[in-house]
Amino acid sequence: MLVTDAIEKICRSMESIKNDKKFKLILMSITGNSNRDLAEKPPLSQRWVISILKLLLPAHVDNEKAADFLRLQIGQNHESIEWAVVRPDSLIDDEEVTNYKLLASPIRSVRFDAGSTGRINVANVMSRLITEEVLWNQWKGKMPVIYNQPCKNQIAVAD
């Protein structure tokens, strides 16, 4: 449980530091990690595949447990920590930031009709979440999904 253990240790360290401001913590996960706060219910075929992946890939379970730690242990009203879990779809390498969209839940089947997300776009949205208060306030304590957008000259942020 590398990711879960690391997130727990980071949070415990943050809790030990007395600070006037809350720390912001962003975890990168995957679209296959359903947001149980929203009761996302993927199609049965996708649930079967994810169940098999959980048996074969311990990293998937680790991703879920790390997000659950933030959702259930840190929660929405922690005295010193705020968090978000960014869930990209199939990661691709892009040379530069392209258009992307943030959504509350996946709009595609994460196993049978996956979208794509540039790694550079994930880095961009994570840095924007840290530096842009309006964006942070929209997504803190949530698990937004990020997809590359085919439209030109615009970064769409939706919920």
Protein backbone atom coordinates (compact mmCIF):
# COMPACT_ATOMS: atom_id res chain seq x y z
CA MET A 1 0.00 0.00 0.00
CA LEU A 2 2.67 2.45 -1.09
CA VAL A 3 0.31 5.31 -2.05
CA THR A 4 -2.02 4.85 0.92
CA ASP A 5 0.86 4.70 3.40
CA ALA A 6 2.50 7.77 1.84
CA ILE A 7 -0.75 9.78 1.95
CA GLU A 8 -1.31 8.82 5.59
CA LYS A 9 2.26 9.82 6.53
CA ILE A 10 1.99 13.12 4.65
CA CYS A 11 -1.30 13.92 6.39
CA ARG A 12 0.09 13.05 9.82
CA SER A 13 3.07 15.31 9.12
CA MET A 14 0.75 18.13 8.05
CA GLU A 15 -1.29 17.67 11.22
CA SER A 16 1.81 18.01 13.37
CA ILE A 17 2.67 21.42 11.93
CA LYS A 18 0.80 24.31 13.47
CA ASN A 19 -0.07 26.69 10.68
CA ASP A 20 -2.55 29.52 10.17
CA LYS A 21 -3.49 28.27 6.72
CA LYS A 22 -4.75 24.87 5.69
CA PHE A 23 -2.48 22.63 3.67
CA LYS A 24 -3.68 21.62 0.19
CA LEU A 25 -3.08 18.01 -0.80
CA ILE A 26 -3.73 16.71 -4.31
CA LEU A 27 -3.68 13.00 -5.08
CA MET A 28 -3.53 11.78 -8.67
CA SER A 29 -5.63 8.66 -9.07
CA ILE A 30 -7.45 7.09 -12.05
CA THR A 31 -10.94 7.27 -13.54
CA GLY A 32 -11.44 3.62 -12.59
CA ASN A 33 -11.41 4.73 -8.95
CA SER A 34 -15.09 5.56 -8.51
CA ASN A 35 -16.09 8.47 -6.31
CA ARG A 36 -18.19 6.74 -3.69
CA ASP A 37 -19.36 10.11 -2.34
CA LEU A 38 -21.34 10.50 -5.57
CA ALA A 39 -22.39 6.85 -5.75
CA GLU A 40 -20.95 6.53 -9.24
CA LYS A 41 -22.25 3.30 -10.66
CA PRO A 42 -20.35 2.14 -13.73
CA PRO A 43 -21.97 -0.40 -16.07
CA LEU A 44 -21.89 -4.03 -14.93
CA SER A 45 -19.32 -5.00 -17.59
CA GLN A 46 -16.95 -2.32 -16.33
CA ARG A 47 -17.49 -3.36 -12.69
CA TRP A 48 -16.53 -6.93 -13.63
CA VAL A 49 -13.32 -5.79 -15.30
CA ILE A 50 -12.41 -3.56 -12.35
CA SER A 51 -13.09 -6.42 -9.93
CA ILE A 52 -10.66 -8.60 -11.88
CA LEU A 53 -8.11 -5.77 -11.97
CA LYS A 54 -8.36 -5.43 -8.20
CA LEU A 55 -7.40 -9.08 -7.87
CA LEU A 56 -4.52 -8.83 -10.33
CA LEU A 57 -3.19 -5.32 -9.72
CA PRO A 58 -2.61 -4.31 -6.10
CA ALA A 59 -1.95 -0.74 -7.32
CA HIS A 60 -5.66 -0.29 -8.13
CA VAL A 61 -6.70 -1.21 -4.59
CA ASP A 62 -3.94 1.05 -3.26
CA ASN A 63 -5.33 3.99 -5.29
CA GLU A 64 -8.83 3.37 -3.93
CA LYS A 65 -7.63 3.11 -0.33
CA ALA A 66 -5.60 6.32 -0.60
CA ALA A 67 -8.64 8.24 -1.88
CA ASP A 68 -10.83 6.62 0.78
CA PHE A 69 -8.37 7.72 3.46
CA LEU A 70 -8.77 11.33 2.32
CA ARG A 71 -12.57 11.04 1.98
CA LEU A 72 -13.21 9.19 5.24
CA GLN A 73 -10.34 9.99 7.60
CA ILE A 74 -9.47 13.55 6.61
CA GLY A 75 -12.97 14.40 5.44
CA GLN A 76 -14.39 17.77 4.46
CA ASN A 77 -13.79 19.79 7.64
CA HIS A 78 -10.30 18.90 8.78
CA GLU A 79 -8.65 21.63 10.83
CA SER A 80 -5.43 21.73 8.79
CA ILE A 81 -5.86 19.76 5.54
CA GLU A 82 -7.92 20.27 2.39
CA TRP A 83 -7.65 17.77 -0.45
CA ALA A 84 -8.66 16.89 -3.99
CA VAL A 85 -8.22 13.68 -5.99
CA VAL A 86 -7.59 14.29 -9.69
CA ARG A 87 -8.68 11.35 -11.86
CA PRO A 88 -7.23 11.36 -15.39
CA ASP A 89 -8.32 8.89 -18.03
CA SER A 90 -5.75 7.09 -20.21
CA LEU A 91 -2.55 9.10 -19.87
CA ILE A 92 -0.74 10.25 -23.00
CA ASP A 93 2.36 12.33 -23.63
CA ASP A 94 1.69 15.77 -25.08
CA GLU A 95 4.40 18.33 -25.75
CA GLU A 96 2.39 21.25 -24.36
CA VAL A 97 -0.73 21.99 -22.37
CA THR A 98 -3.81 21.40 -24.50
CA ASN A 99 -7.48 22.05 -23.87
CA TYR A 100 -9.00 19.96 -21.10
CA LYS A 101 -12.17 19.63 -19.11
CA LEU A 102 -12.83 18.82 -15.44
CA LEU A 103 -15.98 16.89 -14.57
CA ALA A 104 -17.44 15.52 -11.36
CA SER A 105 -17.72 11.98 -12.81
CA PRO A 106 -16.56 10.03 -15.84
CA ILE A 107 -18.66 10.53 -18.96
CA ARG A 108 -17.12 7.56 -20.78
CA SER A 109 -16.61 3.92 -19.92
CA VAL A 110 -13.20 3.87 -18.28
CA ARG A 111 -12.43 0.43 -19.67
CA PHE A 112 -14.31 0.16 -22.98
CA ASP A 113 -14.41 3.75 -24.26
CA ALA A 114 -11.63 5.52 -22.42
CA GLY A 115 -10.81 9.12 -23.20
CA SER A 116 -7.31 10.48 -23.01
CA THR A 117 -5.55 12.96 -20.79
CA GLY A 118 -2.17 14.52 -21.36
CA ARG A 119 0.23 14.11 -18.47
CA ILE A 120 1.13 17.76 -18.94
CA ASN A 121 -2.57 18.67 -18.55
CA VAL A 122 -2.72 16.77 -15.26
CA ALA A 123 0.31 18.70 -14.03
CA ASN A 124 -1.28 21.95 -15.23
CA VAL A 125 -4.58 21.38 -13.44
CA MET A 126 -2.80 20.30 -10.26
CA SER A 127 -0.71 23.47 -10.23
CA ARG A 128 -3.79 25.57 -11.00
CA LEU A 129 -5.66 23.94 -8.13
CA ILE A 130 -2.89 24.99 -5.77
CA THR A 131 -2.62 28.57 -7.04
CA GLU A 132 -6.17 29.52 -8.12
CA GLU A 133 -8.52 29.87 -5.14
CA VAL A 134 -11.72 29.90 -7.22
CA LEU A 135 -10.76 26.64 -8.91
CA TRP A 136 -9.63 25.12 -5.61
CA ASN A 137 -12.89 26.06 -3.89
CA GLN A 138 -14.82 24.41 -6.71
CA TRP A 139 -12.97 21.08 -6.40
CA LYS A 140 -11.63 20.75 -2.85
CA GLY A 141 -12.91 17.63 -1.13
CA LYS A 142 -13.92 16.22 -4.52
CA MET A 143 -12.58 13.80 -7.10
CA PRO A 144 -12.70 15.54 -10.50
CA VAL A 145 -12.12 13.63 -13.71
CA ILE A 146 -9.91 15.31 -16.31
CA TYR A 147 -10.20 14.69 -20.07
CA ASN A 148 -8.41 16.31 -22.99
CA GLN A 149 -10.85 18.48 -24.97
CA PRO A 150 -10.87 18.63 -28.75
CA CYS A 151 -11.97 22.30 -28.84
CA LYS A 152 -9.44 25.05 -29.59
CA ASN A 153 -8.11 27.94 -27.50
CA GLN A 154 -10.07 27.27 -24.37
CA ILE A 155 -9.67 25.45 -21.08
CA ALA A 156 -13.10 24.37 -19.99
CA VAL A 157 -13.70 23.72 -16.32
CA ALA A 158 -17.12 22.22 -15.68
CA ASP A 159 -18.79 20.36 -12.87
